[in-house]
Amino acid sequence: MNFNPVTNDKFSYLKYSDNSENQTLLFFLNTDSVCNSVRIICSLNMKAEKVKELNSKYIKSGENRWVDKHDGKDYLIEIMYGKWSCVITIEQGK
């Protein structure tokens, strides 16, 4: 993964992408620079691979949703499909 510097007035985040540009990772940071959510954007042709990975690592909690229980906290994982890409969002449960 390669770090891509970004400038944005609304959000503070770190952006990484792979060499083939098939996958981008965004780490959204709060005002203390602590990560509070992650978004993975990948090519739609990676859909089956990503769903298989999510099913193997996390607890299925509904259609296109999973939960990761880690250090006494629940993290919600959701995958959404667009015309050209799929987006996986990971954030701490409320």
C-alpha atoms as a PDB file:
ATOM      1  CA  MET A   1       0.000   0.000   0.000  1.00  0.00           C
ATOM      2  CA  ASN A   2       1.185   3.482  -0.847  1.00  0.00           C
ATOM      3  CA  PHE A   3       0.471   6.553   1.268  1.00  0.00           C
ATOM      4  CA  ASN A   4      -1.351   9.300  -0.667  1.00  0.00           C
ATOM      5  CA  PRO A   5      -1.212  12.758   0.928  1.00  0.00           C
ATOM      6  CA  VAL A   6      -4.630  14.440   1.033  1.00  0.00           C
ATOM      7  CA  THR A   7      -5.919  17.857   2.001  1.00  0.00           C
ATOM      8  CA  ASN A   8      -9.511  18.183   3.102  1.00  0.00           C
ATOM      9  CA  ASP A   9     -11.184  20.880   5.210  1.00  0.00           C
ATOM     10  CA  LYS A  10     -14.113  18.665   6.319  1.00  0.00           C
ATOM     11  CA  PHE A  11     -12.392  15.432   7.347  1.00  0.00           C
ATOM     12  CA  SER A  12      -9.024  14.435   8.693  1.00  0.00           C
ATOM     13  CA  TYR A  13      -7.958  11.131   7.176  1.00  0.00           C
ATOM     14  CA  LEU A  14      -5.091   9.047   5.883  1.00  0.00           C
ATOM     15  CA  LYS A  15      -5.312   7.529   2.421  1.00  0.00           C
ATOM     16  CA  TYR A  16      -3.487   4.467   1.112  1.00  0.00           C
ATOM     17  CA  SER A  17      -3.867   2.708  -2.235  1.00  0.00           C
ATOM     18  CA  ASP A  18      -2.356  -0.382  -3.771  1.00  0.00           C
ATOM     19  CA  ASN A  19      -0.079  -0.298  -6.813  1.00  0.00           C
ATOM     20  CA  SER A  20      -2.802  -1.468  -9.184  1.00  0.00           C
ATOM     21  CA  GLU A  21      -5.322   1.121  -7.871  1.00  0.00           C
ATOM     22  CA  ASN A  22      -7.819  -1.709  -7.219  1.00  0.00           C
ATOM     23  CA  GLN A  23      -8.077  -0.934  -3.531  1.00  0.00           C
ATOM     24  CA  THR A  24      -7.993   2.244  -1.426  1.00  0.00           C
ATOM     25  CA  LEU A  25      -8.011   2.449   2.380  1.00  0.00           C
ATOM     26  CA  LEU A  26      -9.182   5.563   4.211  1.00  0.00           C
ATOM     27  CA  PHE A  27      -8.572   5.961   7.950  1.00  0.00           C
ATOM     28  CA  PHE A  28     -10.821   8.717   9.343  1.00  0.00           C
ATOM     29  CA  LEU A  29      -9.376  10.506  12.369  1.00  0.00           C
ATOM     30  CA  ASN A  30     -11.047  12.478  15.141  1.00  0.00           C
ATOM     31  CA  THR A  31      -9.725  15.830  16.419  1.00  0.00           C
ATOM     32  CA  ASP A  32      -7.173  13.970  18.582  1.00  0.00           C
ATOM     33  CA  SER A  33      -5.885  12.108  15.477  1.00  0.00           C
ATOM     34  CA  VAL A  34      -7.353   8.807  16.705  1.00  0.00           C
ATOM     35  CA  CYS A  35      -8.911   6.566  14.055  1.00  0.00           C
ATOM     36  CA  ASN A  36     -12.691   6.326  14.494  1.00  0.00           C
ATOM     37  CA  SER A  37     -13.604   4.561  11.248  1.00  0.00           C
ATOM     38  CA  VAL A  38     -12.074   2.840   8.249  1.00  0.00           C
ATOM     39  CA  ARG A  39     -13.375   2.729   4.694  1.00  0.00           C
ATOM     40  CA  ILE A  40     -12.060   0.279   2.119  1.00  0.00           C
ATOM     41  CA  ILE A  41     -12.973   1.007  -1.486  1.00  0.00           C
ATOM     42  CA  CYS A  42     -12.213  -1.749  -3.944  1.00  0.00           C
ATOM     43  CA  SER A  43     -12.941  -2.777  -7.474  1.00  0.00           C
ATOM     44  CA  LEU A  44     -16.240  -4.625  -7.895  1.00  0.00           C
ATOM     45  CA  ASN A  45     -14.362  -7.615  -9.305  1.00  0.00           C
ATOM     46  CA  MET A  46     -12.976  -8.147  -5.752  1.00  0.00           C
ATOM     47  CA  LYS A  47     -16.503  -8.568  -4.320  1.00  0.00           C
ATOM     48  CA  ALA A  48     -16.463 -12.362  -3.880  1.00  0.00           C
ATOM     49  CA  GLU A  49     -12.977 -12.307  -2.353  1.00  0.00           C
ATOM     50  CA  LYS A  50     -13.926  -9.563   0.127  1.00  0.00           C
ATOM     51  CA  VAL A  51     -17.183 -11.251   1.204  1.00  0.00           C
ATOM     52  CA  LYS A  52     -15.310 -14.523   1.723  1.00  0.00           C
ATOM     53  CA  GLU A  53     -12.731 -12.682   3.831  1.00  0.00           C
ATOM     54  CA  LEU A  54     -15.409 -10.939   5.921  1.00  0.00           C
ATOM     55  CA  ASN A  55     -17.295 -14.229   6.456  1.00  0.00           C
ATOM     56  CA  SER A  56     -14.105 -15.964   7.619  1.00  0.00           C
ATOM     57  CA  LYS A  57     -13.027 -13.238  10.070  1.00  0.00           C
ATOM     58  CA  TYR A  58     -16.208 -11.758  11.531  1.00  0.00           C
ATOM     59  CA  ILE A  59     -19.660 -12.696  12.850  1.00  0.00           C
ATOM     60  CA  LYS A  60     -22.405 -12.268  10.252  1.00  0.00           C
ATOM     61  CA  SER A  61     -25.126  -9.975  11.630  1.00  0.00           C
ATOM     62  CA  GLY A  62     -27.394  -9.420   8.631  1.00  0.00           C
ATOM     63  CA  GLU A  63     -27.433  -8.790   4.909  1.00  0.00           C
ATOM     64  CA  ASN A  64     -23.992  -7.358   4.030  1.00  0.00           C
ATOM     65  CA  ARG A  65     -23.205  -6.776   7.735  1.00  0.00           C
ATOM     66  CA  TRP A  66     -20.768  -8.264  10.224  1.00  0.00           C
ATOM     67  CA  VAL A  67     -19.602  -7.620  13.789  1.00  0.00           C
ATOM     68  CA  ASP A  68     -16.087  -7.865  15.175  1.00  0.00           C
ATOM     69  CA  LYS A  69     -15.832  -8.226  18.944  1.00  0.00           C
ATOM     70  CA  HIS A  70     -12.417  -7.037  20.070  1.00  0.00           C
ATOM     71  CA  ASP A  71     -11.180  -5.952  23.516  1.00  0.00           C
ATOM     72  CA  GLY A  72     -14.736  -5.736  24.876  1.00  0.00           C
ATOM     73  CA  LYS A  73     -15.961  -3.503  22.034  1.00  0.00           C
ATOM     74  CA  ASP A  74     -18.130  -4.203  19.022  1.00  0.00           C
ATOM     75  CA  TYR A  75     -17.048  -2.983  15.604  1.00  0.00           C
ATOM     76  CA  LEU A  76     -19.676  -2.831  12.874  1.00  0.00           C
ATOM     77  CA  ILE A  77     -18.689  -3.808   9.354  1.00  0.00           C
ATOM     78  CA  GLU A  78     -20.866  -3.156   6.324  1.00  0.00           C
ATOM     79  CA  ILE A  79     -20.317  -3.646   2.611  1.00  0.00           C
ATOM     80  CA  MET A  80     -22.176  -1.608  -0.003  1.00  0.00           C
ATOM     81  CA  TYR A  81     -22.080  -2.108  -3.746  1.00  0.00           C
ATOM     82  CA  GLY A  82     -21.910   0.573  -6.399  1.00  0.00           C
ATOM     83  CA  LYS A  83     -21.799   0.370 -10.143  1.00  0.00           C
ATOM     84  CA  TRP A  84     -17.992   0.069 -10.296  1.00  0.00           C
ATOM     85  CA  SER A  85     -16.850  -0.546  -6.739  1.00  0.00           C
ATOM     86  CA  CYS A  86     -17.707  -1.942  -3.338  1.00  0.00           C
ATOM     87  CA  VAL A  87     -17.208  -0.011  -0.124  1.00  0.00           C
ATOM     88  CA  ILE A  88     -16.515  -1.647   3.219  1.00  0.00           C
ATOM     89  CA  THR A  89     -17.017   0.544   6.285  1.00  0.00           C
ATOM     90  CA  ILE A  90     -15.717  -0.385   9.728  1.00  0.00           C
ATOM     91  CA  GLU A  91     -16.669   1.671  12.771  1.00  0.00           C
ATOM     92  CA  GLN A  92     -17.094   1.176  16.472  1.00  0.00           C
ATOM     93  CA  GLY A  93     -20.610   0.272  17.602  1.00  0.00           C
ATOM     94  CA  LYS A  94     -22.489   2.902  19.537  1.00  0.00           C
END
